[in-house]
Amino acid sequence: MQALCDGILDAGILLVYEGRWRPPEMAVQKWIDHQTGKVTRARAVLEADPPAHSAIPCVGQITLACALGYGDLRFQGKWREGHPQLVEWLDGFAAKVPAFEATRVTA
């Protein structure tokens, strides 16, 4: 799960960099679609079978929470539509791990 969620973060960061640093006329849509597809497919796998919460979260759960939080921060939470299981999972994680919620960046 950690590797899968690291992949979501990596592809998401590449998409942000693309928008910030590359002039629009130099964008390569095929590359953007490839990165977006990675994120979409990984979220679909996690939506179909979200991990169970545990008393002490494992690194995979922490990475998932960070990946979903990054989607909220950098992509205006658009991932939430169509992913009700992951929304519920993240809300549950934030409730069980107050430190995560306390460090959430909203701007």
PDB file of N, CA and C in Angstrom:
ATOM      1  N   MET A   1       0.829  -1.185   0.000  1.00  0.00           N
ATOM      2  CA  MET A   1       0.000   0.000   0.000  1.00  0.00           C
ATOM      3  C   MET A   1       0.879   1.256   0.000  1.00  0.00           C
ATOM      4  N   GLN A   2       1.977   1.211   0.726  1.00  0.00           N
ATOM      5  CA  GLN A   2       2.855   2.381   0.746  1.00  0.00           C
ATOM      6  C   GLN A   2       3.376   2.687  -0.655  1.00  0.00           C
ATOM      7  N   ALA A   3       3.810   1.683  -1.382  1.00  0.00           N
ATOM      8  CA  ALA A   3       4.342   1.903  -2.727  1.00  0.00           C
ATOM      9  C   ALA A   3       3.262   2.449  -3.660  1.00  0.00           C
ATOM     10  N   LEU A   4       2.075   1.914  -3.566  1.00  0.00           N
ATOM     11  CA  LEU A   4       0.976   2.393  -4.391  1.00  0.00           C
ATOM     12  C   LEU A   4       0.682   3.859  -4.096  1.00  0.00           C
ATOM     13  N   CYS A   5       0.623   4.203  -2.834  1.00  0.00           N
ATOM     14  CA  CYS A   5       0.310   5.587  -2.442  1.00  0.00           C
ATOM     15  C   CYS A   5       1.475   6.529  -2.716  1.00  0.00           C
ATOM     16  N   ASP A   6       2.700   6.037  -2.615  1.00  0.00           N
ATOM     17  CA  ASP A   6       3.855   6.836  -3.038  1.00  0.00           C
ATOM     18  C   ASP A   6       3.731   7.169  -4.527  1.00  0.00           C
ATOM     19  N   GLY A   7       3.254   6.211  -5.303  1.00  0.00           N
ATOM     20  CA  GLY A   7       3.052   6.444  -6.729  1.00  0.00           C
ATOM     21  C   GLY A   7       2.019   7.524  -6.991  1.00  0.00           C
ATOM     22  N   ILE A   8       0.949   7.535  -6.205  1.00  0.00           N
ATOM     23  CA  ILE A   8      -0.060   8.595  -6.322  1.00  0.00           C
ATOM     24  C   ILE A   8       0.585   9.949  -6.044  1.00  0.00           C
ATOM     25  N   LEU A   9       1.367  10.007  -4.980  1.00  0.00           N
ATOM     26  CA  LEU A   9       2.035  11.264  -4.628  1.00  0.00           C
ATOM     27  C   LEU A   9       3.028  11.698  -5.702  1.00  0.00           C
ATOM     28  N   ASP A  10       3.818  10.757  -6.196  1.00  0.00           N
ATOM     29  CA  ASP A  10       4.793  11.094  -7.230  1.00  0.00           C
ATOM     30  C   ASP A  10       4.115  11.653  -8.479  1.00  0.00           C
ATOM     31  N   ALA A  11       3.096  10.968  -8.953  1.00  0.00           N
ATOM     32  CA  ALA A  11       2.393  11.428 -10.158  1.00  0.00           C
ATOM     33  C   ALA A  11       1.698  12.762  -9.900  1.00  0.00           C
ATOM     34  N   GLY A  12       1.132  12.929  -8.718  1.00  0.00           N
ATOM     35  CA  GLY A  12       0.477  14.198  -8.387  1.00  0.00           C
ATOM     36  C   GLY A  12       1.456  15.365  -8.373  1.00  0.00           C
ATOM     37  N   ILE A  13       2.623  15.135  -7.811  1.00  0.00           N
ATOM     38  CA  ILE A  13       3.640  16.192  -7.775  1.00  0.00           C
ATOM     39  C   ILE A  13       4.085  16.542  -9.195  1.00  0.00           C
ATOM     40  N   LEU A  14       4.252  15.532 -10.032  1.00  0.00           N
ATOM     41  CA  LEU A  14       4.643  15.797 -11.417  1.00  0.00           C
ATOM     42  C   LEU A  14       3.576  16.622 -12.144  1.00  0.00           C
ATOM     43  N   LEU A  15       2.316  16.360 -11.867  1.00  0.00           N
ATOM     44  CA  LEU A  15       1.244  17.152 -12.481  1.00  0.00           C
ATOM     45  C   LEU A  15       1.265  18.592 -11.983  1.00  0.00           C
ATOM     46  N   VAL A  16       1.531  18.778 -10.699  1.00  0.00           N
ATOM     47  CA  VAL A  16       1.623  20.139 -10.170  1.00  0.00           C
ATOM     48  C   VAL A  16       2.803  20.864 -10.805  1.00  0.00           C
ATOM     49  N   TYR A  17       3.942  20.209 -10.868  1.00  0.00           N
ATOM     50  CA  TYR A  17       5.118  20.830 -11.493  1.00  0.00           C
ATOM     51  C   TYR A  17       4.833  21.197 -12.944  1.00  0.00           C
ATOM     52  N   GLU A  18       4.160  20.323 -13.644  1.00  0.00           N
ATOM     53  CA  GLU A  18       3.832  20.592 -15.044  1.00  0.00           C
ATOM     54  C   GLU A  18       3.042  21.892 -15.172  1.00  0.00           C
ATOM     55  N   GLY A  19       2.075  22.068 -14.306  1.00  0.00           N
ATOM     56  CA  GLY A  19       1.251  23.268 -14.360  1.00  0.00           C
ATOM     57  C   GLY A  19       1.977  24.531 -13.916  1.00  0.00           C
ATOM     58  N   ARG A  20       2.916  24.378 -13.001  1.00  0.00           N
ATOM     59  CA  ARG A  20       3.613  25.550 -12.465  1.00  0.00           C
ATOM     60  C   ARG A  20       4.806  25.991 -13.291  1.00  0.00           C
ATOM     61  N   TRP A  21       5.535  25.045 -13.826  1.00  0.00           N
ATOM     62  CA  TRP A  21       6.837  25.368 -14.393  1.00  0.00           C
ATOM     63  C   TRP A  21       6.930  25.260 -15.908  1.00  0.00           C
ATOM     64  N   ARG A  22       6.060  24.521 -16.537  1.00  0.00           N
ATOM     65  CA  ARG A  22       6.155  24.380 -17.988  1.00  0.00           C
ATOM     66  C   ARG A  22       5.156  25.327 -18.639  1.00  0.00           C
ATOM     67  N   PRO A  23       5.596  26.109 -19.600  1.00  0.00           N
ATOM     68  CA  PRO A  23       4.651  26.983 -20.305  1.00  0.00           C
ATOM     69  C   PRO A  23       3.559  26.145 -20.975  1.00  0.00           C
ATOM     70  N   PRO A  24       2.327  26.611 -20.954  1.00  0.00           N
ATOM     71  CA  PRO A  24       1.217  25.828 -21.518  1.00  0.00           C
ATOM     72  C   PRO A  24       1.464  25.364 -22.955  1.00  0.00           C
ATOM     73  N   GLU A  25       2.124  26.174 -23.745  1.00  0.00           N
ATOM     74  CA  GLU A  25       2.365  25.799 -25.140  1.00  0.00           C
ATOM     75  C   GLU A  25       3.373  24.650 -25.276  1.00  0.00           C
ATOM     76  N   MET A  26       4.075  24.338 -24.195  1.00  0.00           N
ATOM     77  CA  MET A  26       5.038  23.233 -24.227  1.00  0.00           C
ATOM     78  C   MET A  26       4.513  21.974 -23.526  1.00  0.00           C
ATOM     79  N   ALA A  27       3.309  22.027 -23.033  1.00  0.00           N
ATOM     80  CA  ALA A  27       2.736  20.868 -22.346  1.00  0.00           C
ATOM     81  C   ALA A  27       2.573  19.706 -23.320  1.00  0.00           C
ATOM     82  N   VAL A  28       2.812  18.513 -22.819  1.00  0.00           N
ATOM     83  CA  VAL A  28       2.645  17.294 -23.611  1.00  0.00           C
ATOM     84  C   VAL A  28       1.444  16.546 -23.031  1.00  0.00           C
ATOM     85  N   GLN A  29       0.328  16.627 -23.722  1.00  0.00           N
ATOM     86  CA  GLN A  29      -0.915  16.056 -23.195  1.00  0.00           C
ATOM     87  C   GLN A  29      -0.795  14.556 -22.933  1.00  0.00           C
ATOM     88  N   LYS A  30      -0.067  13.850 -23.779  1.00  0.00           N
ATOM     89  CA  LYS A  30       0.107  12.409 -23.580  1.00  0.00           C
ATOM     90  C   LYS A  30       0.765  12.131 -22.231  1.00  0.00           C
ATOM     91  N   TRP A  31       1.752  12.935 -21.856  1.00  0.00           N
ATOM     92  CA  TRP A  31       2.443  12.760 -20.586  1.00  0.00           C
ATOM     93  C   TRP A  31       1.507  13.108 -19.419  1.00  0.00           C
ATOM     94  N   ILE A  32       0.762  14.200 -19.560  1.00  0.00           N
ATOM     95  CA  ILE A  32      -0.200  14.599 -18.522  1.00  0.00           C
ATOM     96  C   ILE A  32      -1.237  13.494 -18.329  1.00  0.00           C
ATOM     97  N   ASP A  33      -1.759  12.958 -19.436  1.00  0.00           N
ATOM     98  CA  ASP A  33      -2.749  11.878 -19.362  1.00  0.00           C
ATOM     99  C   ASP A  33      -2.157  10.637 -18.696  1.00  0.00           C
ATOM    100  N   HIS A  34      -0.884  10.369 -18.967  1.00  0.00           N
ATOM    101  CA  HIS A  34      -0.220   9.205 -18.365  1.00  0.00           C
ATOM    102  C   HIS A  34      -0.142   9.349 -16.846  1.00  0.00           C
ATOM    103  N   GLN A  35       0.274  10.516 -16.369  1.00  0.00           N
ATOM    104  CA  GLN A  35       0.367  10.754 -14.925  1.00  0.00           C
ATOM    105  C   GLN A  35      -1.019  10.722 -14.283  1.00  0.00           C
ATOM    106  N   THR A  36      -1.979  11.350 -14.929  1.00  0.00           N
ATOM    107  CA  THR A  36      -3.354  11.357 -14.415  1.00  0.00           C
ATOM    108  C   THR A  36      -3.901   9.935 -14.347  1.00  0.00           C
ATOM    109  N   GLY A  37      -3.598   9.142 -15.350  1.00  0.00           N
ATOM    110  CA  GLY A  37      -4.053   7.752 -15.366  1.00  0.00           C
ATOM    111  C   GLY A  37      -3.497   6.936 -14.221  1.00  0.00           C
ATOM    112  N   LYS A  38      -2.245   7.173 -13.867  1.00  0.00           N
ATOM    113  CA  LYS A  38      -1.650   6.472 -12.725  1.00  0.00           C
ATOM    114  C   LYS A  38      -2.447   6.743 -11.455  1.00  0.00           C
ATOM    115  N   VAL A  39      -2.756   8.015 -11.239  1.00  0.00           N
ATOM    116  CA  VAL A  39      -3.493   8.408 -10.033  1.00  0.00           C
ATOM    117  C   VAL A  39      -4.902   7.811 -10.068  1.00  0.00           C
ATOM    118  N   THR A  40      -5.554   7.899 -11.204  1.00  0.00           N
ATOM    119  CA  THR A  40      -6.928   7.403 -11.350  1.00  0.00           C
ATOM    120  C   THR A  40      -6.998   5.901 -11.088  1.00  0.00           C
ATOM    121  N   ARG A  41      -6.075   5.158 -11.682  1.00  0.00           N
ATOM    122  CA  ARG A  41      -6.086   3.702 -11.504  1.00  0.00           C
ATOM    123  C   ARG A  41      -5.779   3.305 -10.066  1.00  0.00           C
ATOM    124  N   ALA A  42      -4.827   3.978  -9.447  1.00  0.00           N
ATOM    125  CA  ALA A  42      -4.475   3.647  -8.057  1.00  0.00           C
ATOM    126  C   ALA A  42      -5.646   3.944  -7.119  1.00  0.00           C
ATOM    127  N   ARG A  43      -6.291   5.079  -7.325  1.00  0.00           N
ATOM    128  CA  ARG A  43      -7.454   5.401  -6.477  1.00  0.00           C
ATOM    129  C   ARG A  43      -8.573   4.390  -6.678  1.00  0.00           C
ATOM    130  N   ALA A  44      -8.756   3.923  -7.899  1.00  0.00           N
ATOM    131  CA  ALA A  44      -9.804   2.925  -8.164  1.00  0.00           C
ATOM    132  C   ALA A  44      -9.537   1.633  -7.393  1.00  0.00           C
ATOM    133  N   VAL A  45      -8.276   1.220  -7.348  1.00  0.00           N
ATOM    134  CA  VAL A  45      -7.913   0.013  -6.590  1.00  0.00           C
ATOM    135  C   VAL A  45      -8.214   0.217  -5.107  1.00  0.00           C
ATOM    136  N   LEU A  46      -7.838   1.359  -4.585  1.00  0.00           N
ATOM    137  CA  LEU A  46      -8.056   1.640  -3.159  1.00  0.00           C
ATOM    138  C   LEU A  46      -9.527   1.849  -2.840  1.00  0.00           C
ATOM    139  N   GLU A  47     -10.273   2.439  -3.753  1.00  0.00           N
ATOM    140  CA  GLU A  47     -11.713   2.633  -3.553  1.00  0.00           C
ATOM    141  C   GLU A  47     -12.425   1.286  -3.473  1.00  0.00           C
ATOM    142  N   ALA A  48     -11.991   0.345  -4.291  1.00  0.00           N
ATOM    143  CA  ALA A  48     -12.618  -0.974  -4.322  1.00  0.00           C
ATOM    144  C   ALA A  48     -12.363  -1.767  -3.047  1.00  0.00           C
ATOM    145  N   ASP A  49     -11.252  -1.487  -2.383  1.00  0.00           N
ATOM    146  CA  ASP A  49     -10.893  -2.251  -1.183  1.00  0.00           C
ATOM    147  C   ASP A  49     -10.064  -1.381  -0.244  1.00  0.00           C
ATOM    148  N   PRO A  50     -10.712  -0.394   0.401  1.00  0.00           N
ATOM    149  CA  PRO A  50      -9.948   0.467   1.305  1.00  0.00           C
ATOM    150  C   PRO A  50      -9.388  -0.338   2.480  1.00  0.00           C
ATOM    151  N   PRO A  51      -8.237   0.050   2.985  1.00  0.00           N
ATOM    152  CA  PRO A  51      -7.650  -0.694   4.092  1.00  0.00           C
ATOM    153  C   PRO A  51      -8.468  -0.521   5.370  1.00  0.00           C
ATOM    154  N   ALA A  52      -8.359  -1.504   6.215  1.00  0.00           N
ATOM    155  CA  ALA A  52      -8.992  -1.402   7.531  1.00  0.00           C
ATOM    156  C   ALA A  52      -8.163  -0.445   8.390  1.00  0.00           C
ATOM    157  N   HIS A  53      -8.837   0.223   9.295  1.00  0.00           N
ATOM    158  CA  HIS A  53      -8.118   1.063  10.255  1.00  0.00           C
ATOM    159  C   HIS A  53      -7.548   0.162  11.343  1.00  0.00           C
ATOM    160  N   SER A  54      -6.393   0.521  11.833  1.00  0.00           N
ATOM    161  CA  SER A  54      -5.792  -0.241  12.922  1.00  0.00           C
ATOM    162  C   SER A  54      -5.509   0.696  14.087  1.00  0.00           C
ATOM    163  N   ALA A  55      -5.308   0.123  15.247  1.00  0.00           N
ATOM    164  CA  ALA A  55      -5.064   0.926  16.447  1.00  0.00           C
ATOM    165  C   ALA A  55      -3.848   1.823  16.259  1.00  0.00           C
ATOM    166  N   ILE A  56      -2.808   1.268  15.676  1.00  0.00           N
ATOM    167  CA  ILE A  56      -1.604   2.041  15.352  1.00  0.00           C
ATOM    168  C   ILE A  56      -1.477   1.983  13.834  1.00  0.00           C
ATOM    169  N   PRO A  57      -1.602   3.129  13.164  1.00  0.00           N
ATOM    170  CA  PRO A  57      -1.559   3.090  11.701  1.00  0.00           C
ATOM    171  C   PRO A  57      -0.193   2.664  11.185  1.00  0.00           C
ATOM    172  N   CYS A  58      -0.225   1.884  10.112  1.00  0.00           N
ATOM    173  CA  CYS A  58       1.019   1.464   9.469  1.00  0.00           C
ATOM    174  C   CYS A  58       1.444   2.541   8.470  1.00  0.00           C
ATOM    175  N   VAL A  59       2.645   2.403   7.950  1.00  0.00           N
ATOM    176  CA  VAL A  59       3.178   3.402   7.033  1.00  0.00           C
ATOM    177  C   VAL A  59       2.326   3.495   5.764  1.00  0.00           C
ATOM    178  N   GLY A  60       1.733   2.394   5.343  1.00  0.00           N
ATOM    179  CA  GLY A  60       0.853   2.427   4.173  1.00  0.00           C
ATOM    180  C   GLY A  60      -0.382   3.271   4.413  1.00  0.00           C
ATOM    181  N   GLN A  61      -0.980   3.145   5.590  1.00  0.00           N
ATOM    182  CA  GLN A  61      -2.154   3.956   5.926  1.00  0.00           C
ATOM    183  C   GLN A  61      -1.795   5.434   6.022  1.00  0.00           C
ATOM    184  N   ILE A  62      -0.657   5.724   6.605  1.00  0.00           N
ATOM    185  CA  ILE A  62      -0.214   7.116   6.713  1.00  0.00           C
ATOM    186  C   ILE A  62       0.018   7.695   5.322  1.00  0.00           C
ATOM    187  N   THR A  63       0.641   6.908   4.451  1.00  0.00           N
ATOM    188  CA  THR A  63       0.909   7.375   3.094  1.00  0.00           C
ATOM    189  C   THR A  63      -0.388   7.581   2.327  1.00  0.00           C
ATOM    190  N   LEU A  64      -1.358   6.707   2.514  1.00  0.00           N
ATOM    191  CA  LEU A  64      -2.664   6.890   1.871  1.00  0.00           C
ATOM    192  C   LEU A  64      -3.311   8.181   2.340  1.00  0.00           C
ATOM    193  N   ALA A  65      -3.296   8.417   3.637  1.00  0.00           N
ATOM    194  CA  ALA A  65      -3.886   9.653   4.161  1.00  0.00           C
ATOM    195  C   ALA A  65      -3.181  10.876   3.570  1.00  0.00           C
ATOM    196  N   CYS A  66      -1.868  10.812   3.469  1.00  0.00           N
ATOM    197  CA  CYS A  66      -1.114  11.936   2.881  1.00  0.00           C
ATOM    198  C   CYS A  66      -1.460  12.111   1.404  1.00  0.00           C
ATOM    199  N   ALA A  67      -1.587  11.017   0.675  1.00  0.00           N
ATOM    200  CA  ALA A  67      -1.909  11.109  -0.755  1.00  0.00           C
ATOM    201  C   ALA A  67      -3.296  11.717  -0.961  1.00  0.00           C
ATOM    202  N   LEU A  68      -4.250  11.305  -0.144  1.00  0.00           N
ATOM    203  CA  LEU A  68      -5.601  11.870  -0.268  1.00  0.00           C
ATOM    204  C   LEU A  68      -5.615  13.330   0.176  1.00  0.00           C
ATOM    205  N   GLY A  69      -4.885  13.627   1.238  1.00  0.00           N
ATOM    206  CA  GLY A  69      -4.790  15.013   1.688  1.00  0.00           C
ATOM    207  C   GLY A  69      -4.133  15.903   0.648  1.00  0.00           C
ATOM    208  N   TYR A  70      -3.135  15.365  -0.047  1.00  0.00           N
ATOM    209  CA  TYR A  70      -2.477  16.128  -1.110  1.00  0.00           C
ATOM    210  C   TYR A  70      -3.466  16.398  -2.253  1.00  0.00           C
ATOM    211  N   GLY A  71      -4.317  15.426  -2.527  1.00  0.00           N
ATOM    212  CA  GLY A  71      -5.359  15.631  -3.533  1.00  0.00           C
ATOM    213  C   GLY A  71      -6.327  16.729  -3.135  1.00  0.00           C
ATOM    214  N   ASP A  72      -6.596  16.832  -1.851  1.00  0.00           N
ATOM    215  CA  ASP A  72      -7.435  17.935  -1.364  1.00  0.00           C
ATOM    216  C   ASP A  72      -6.722  19.267  -1.524  1.00  0.00           C
ATOM    217  N   LEU A  73      -5.453  19.301  -1.142  1.00  0.00           N
ATOM    218  CA  LEU A  73      -4.696  20.545  -1.135  1.00  0.00           C
ATOM    219  C   LEU A  73      -4.404  21.066  -2.536  1.00  0.00           C
ATOM    220  N   ARG A  74      -3.899  20.234  -3.399  1.00  0.00           N
ATOM    221  CA  ARG A  74      -3.418  20.691  -4.707  1.00  0.00           C
ATOM    222  C   ARG A  74      -4.427  20.550  -5.842  1.00  0.00           C
ATOM    223  N   PHE A  75      -5.451  19.715  -5.649  1.00  0.00           N
ATOM    224  CA  PHE A  75      -6.411  19.469  -6.728  1.00  0.00           C
ATOM    225  C   PHE A  75      -7.845  19.721  -6.272  1.00  0.00           C
ATOM    226  N   GLN A  76      -7.979  20.593  -5.275  1.00  0.00           N
ATOM    227  CA  GLN A  76      -9.274  21.053  -4.774  1.00  0.00           C
ATOM    228  C   GLN A  76     -10.219  19.915  -4.382  1.00  0.00           C
ATOM    229  N   GLY A  77      -9.665  18.794  -3.970  1.00  0.00           N
ATOM    230  CA  GLY A  77     -10.486  17.684  -3.504  1.00  0.00           C
ATOM    231  C   GLY A  77     -11.355  17.051  -4.572  1.00  0.00           C
ATOM    232  N   LYS A  78     -11.017  17.255  -5.843  1.00  0.00           N
ATOM    233  CA  LYS A  78     -11.831  16.699  -6.933  1.00  0.00           C
ATOM    234  C   LYS A  78     -11.879  15.180  -6.892  1.00  0.00           C
ATOM    235  N   TRP A  79     -10.891  14.557  -6.270  1.00  0.00           N
ATOM    236  CA  TRP A  79     -10.857  13.102  -6.162  1.00  0.00           C
ATOM    237  C   TRP A  79     -12.055  12.567  -5.377  1.00  0.00           C
ATOM    238  N   ARG A  80     -12.623  13.381  -4.492  1.00  0.00           N
ATOM    239  CA  ARG A  80     -13.687  12.921  -3.604  1.00  0.00           C
ATOM    240  C   ARG A  80     -14.932  12.459  -4.364  1.00  0.00           C
ATOM    241  N   GLU A  81     -15.209  13.127  -5.484  1.00  0.00           N
ATOM    242  CA  GLU A  81     -16.363  12.708  -6.283  1.00  0.00           C
ATOM    243  C   GLU A  81     -16.068  11.332  -6.885  1.00  0.00           C
ATOM    244  N   GLY A  82     -16.932  10.409  -6.629  1.00  0.00           N
ATOM    245  CA  GLY A  82     -16.749   9.063  -7.150  1.00  0.00           C
ATOM    246  C   GLY A  82     -15.910   8.149  -6.284  1.00  0.00           C
ATOM    247  N   HIS A  83     -15.499   8.627  -5.119  1.00  0.00           N
ATOM    248  CA  HIS A  83     -14.692   7.807  -4.211  1.00  0.00           C
ATOM    249  C   HIS A  83     -15.255   7.858  -2.786  1.00  0.00           C
ATOM    250  N   PRO A  84     -16.507   7.487  -2.603  1.00  0.00           N
ATOM    251  CA  PRO A  84     -17.103   7.599  -1.261  1.00  0.00           C
ATOM    252  C   PRO A  84     -16.424   6.730  -0.214  1.00  0.00           C
ATOM    253  N   GLN A  85     -15.896   5.586  -0.614  1.00  0.00           N
ATOM    254  CA  GLN A  85     -15.216   4.706   0.351  1.00  0.00           C
ATOM    255  C   GLN A  85     -13.934   5.373   0.859  1.00  0.00           C
ATOM    256  N   LEU A  86     -13.206   6.029  -0.041  1.00  0.00           N
ATOM    257  CA  LEU A  86     -11.970   6.697   0.376  1.00  0.00           C
ATOM    258  C   LEU A  86     -12.260   7.946   1.198  1.00  0.00           C
ATOM    259  N   VAL A  87     -13.327   8.654   0.868  1.00  0.00           N
ATOM    260  CA  VAL A  87     -13.724   9.817   1.688  1.00  0.00           C
ATOM    261  C   VAL A  87     -14.020   9.342   3.108  1.00  0.00           C
ATOM    262  N   GLU A  88     -14.796   8.278   3.208  1.00  0.00           N
ATOM    263  CA  GLU A  88     -15.129   7.725   4.535  1.00  0.00           C
ATOM    264  C   GLU A  88     -13.868   7.241   5.246  1.00  0.00           C
ATOM    265  N   TRP A  89     -12.982   6.600   4.495  1.00  0.00           N
ATOM    266  CA  TRP A  89     -11.743   6.110   5.090  1.00  0.00           C
ATOM    267  C   TRP A  89     -10.914   7.269   5.637  1.00  0.00           C
ATOM    268  N   LEU A  90     -10.748   8.331   4.842  1.00  0.00           N
ATOM    269  CA  LEU A  90      -9.937   9.473   5.281  1.00  0.00           C
ATOM    270  C   LEU A  90     -10.567  10.155   6.492  1.00  0.00           C
ATOM    271  N   ASP A  91     -11.869  10.299   6.501  1.00  0.00           N
ATOM    272  CA  ASP A  91     -12.539  10.891   7.669  1.00  0.00           C
ATOM    273  C   ASP A  91     -12.303  10.045   8.913  1.00  0.00           C
ATOM    274  N   GLY A  92     -12.373   8.725   8.750  1.00  0.00           N
ATOM    275  CA  GLY A  92     -12.115   7.834   9.880  1.00  0.00           C
ATOM    276  C   GLY A  92     -10.677   7.897  10.346  1.00  0.00           C
ATOM    277  N   PHE A  93      -9.761   7.963   9.398  1.00  0.00           N
ATOM    278  CA  PHE A  93      -8.342   8.073   9.748  1.00  0.00           C
ATOM    279  C   PHE A  93      -8.087   9.366  10.516  1.00  0.00           C
ATOM    280  N   ALA A  94      -8.625  10.472  10.011  1.00  0.00           N
ATOM    281  CA  ALA A  94      -8.432  11.772  10.671  1.00  0.00           C
ATOM    282  C   ALA A  94      -9.020  11.762  12.086  1.00  0.00           C
ATOM    283  N   ALA A  95     -10.118  11.062  12.283  1.00  0.00           N
ATOM    284  CA  ALA A  95     -10.723  10.981  13.616  1.00  0.00           C
ATOM    285  C   ALA A  95      -9.877  10.128  14.561  1.00  0.00           C
ATOM    286  N   LYS A  96      -9.264   9.064  14.029  1.00  0.00           N
ATOM    287  CA  LYS A  96      -8.461   8.170  14.867  1.00  0.00           C
ATOM    288  C   LYS A  96      -7.051   8.685  15.105  1.00  0.00           C
ATOM    289  N   VAL A  97      -6.579   9.554  14.223  1.00  0.00           N
ATOM    290  CA  VAL A  97      -5.200  10.054  14.314  1.00  0.00           C
ATOM    291  C   VAL A  97      -5.257  11.583  14.379  1.00  0.00           C
ATOM    292  N   PRO A  98      -5.500  12.126  15.559  1.00  0.00           N
ATOM    293  CA  PRO A  98      -5.641  13.578  15.689  1.00  0.00           C
ATOM    294  C   PRO A  98      -4.433  14.363  15.186  1.00  0.00           C
ATOM    295  N   ALA A  99      -3.245  13.779  15.262  1.00  0.00           N
ATOM    296  CA  ALA A  99      -2.048  14.480  14.778  1.00  0.00           C
ATOM    297  C   ALA A  99      -2.131  14.727  13.276  1.00  0.00           C
ATOM    298  N   PHE A 100      -2.737  13.811  12.545  1.00  0.00           N
ATOM    299  CA  PHE A 100      -2.899  14.009  11.108  1.00  0.00           C
ATOM    300  C   PHE A 100      -3.799  15.213  10.848  1.00  0.00           C
ATOM    301  N   GLU A 101      -4.917  15.242  11.489  1.00  0.00           N
ATOM    302  CA  GLU A 101      -5.865  16.335  11.296  1.00  0.00           C
ATOM    303  C   GLU A 101      -5.262  17.668  11.750  1.00  0.00           C
ATOM    304  N   ALA A 102      -4.491  17.638  12.814  1.00  0.00           N
ATOM    305  CA  ALA A 102      -3.895  18.879  13.349  1.00  0.00           C
ATOM    306  C   ALA A 102      -2.859  19.468  12.396  1.00  0.00           C
ATOM    307  N   THR A 103      -2.272  18.637  11.557  1.00  0.00           N
ATOM    308  CA  THR A 103      -1.246  19.139  10.646  1.00  0.00           C
ATOM    309  C   THR A 103      -1.752  19.333   9.219  1.00  0.00           C
ATOM    310  N   ARG A 104      -3.039  19.126   9.001  1.00  0.00           N
ATOM    311  CA  ARG A 104      -3.592  19.281   7.653  1.00  0.00           C
ATOM    312  C   ARG A 104      -3.459  20.718   7.203  1.00  0.00           C
ATOM    313  N   VAL A 105      -2.959  20.888   5.986  1.00  0.00           N
ATOM    314  CA  VAL A 105      -2.797  22.217   5.392  1.00  0.00           C
ATOM    315  C   VAL A 105      -4.015  22.471   4.522  1.00  0.00           C
ATOM    316  N   THR A 106      -4.602  23.635   4.658  1.00  0.00           N
ATOM    317  CA  THR A 106      -5.814  23.937   3.891  1.00  0.00           C
ATOM    318  C   THR A 106      -5.615  25.050   2.886  1.00  0.00           C
ATOM    319  N   ALA A 107      -4.445  25.613   2.796  1.00  0.00           N
ATOM    320  CA  ALA A 107      -4.232  26.705   1.837  1.00  0.00           C
ATOM    321  C   ALA A 107      -3.058  26.427   0.947  1.00  0.00           C
TER     322      ALA A 107
END
